[in-house]
């Protein structure tokens, strides 16, 4: 036996209808966030893999400018963006070491400058990767309670019918149905949002590990070059 959603909608009270529309609106934006993050992470993974492979060869050949140009050519990769900042700091730092300015305040630490440049961009890229995840977390935690609110209101409507005396199941049924549909909708949206939130959070953590690994290897390269 199927569920006649049109009939259920017709029997819903105005408050339950507002709650239902609210949850549907939240679910639509939730699917937009999920789709946008999937596309963003897919492009980031592809470009990051290509850049890391190219970066190793550039560093072995000491082609710092080429590595920086390659990073600028892959704007969707968080690893490339971090390295673009670090490589830029290395290039500028080497130029600064060649000259002494009129307002020099002490010895210039090239490694520290590169490391700070890497850390700044890592923080910004991590924040960009987490874009939309707070919304998914909010939907996952809030929609069950919103659905429960619709359920409570639907049950209250049932009690109002019972106060009028003898009622039949055909009169009580629509009120119970709207209560259960509200709960089911809230739980369905919450389950999808929670699964998406956990998945994307794990992906962000993996990107953070990748950025840290590449940054650490690059700092080692700068230190080795300084000793050479």
Foldseek 3Di string as FASTA:
>chain_A
DDDDVVVLVVPADPVLVVLVVVLVVLLVVLVVLLVVLVVLLVLQVVLVVVLVVVVVVCLVVVVLVVNLVSLVVRVSHLLSVLSNQLSVLLVVVVVPVVDDDPPDDDDDDSLVSSLVSSVVSLVVVLVVLCPPLVSLVCLLPCLLVSLQVQLVVLVVVLVVVVVVPDDDCVVNVSSNVSSVVSNVSSNVSNVVSVVSSVVSVVSSVVSSVVNVVVSVVVSVSVVVVVVD
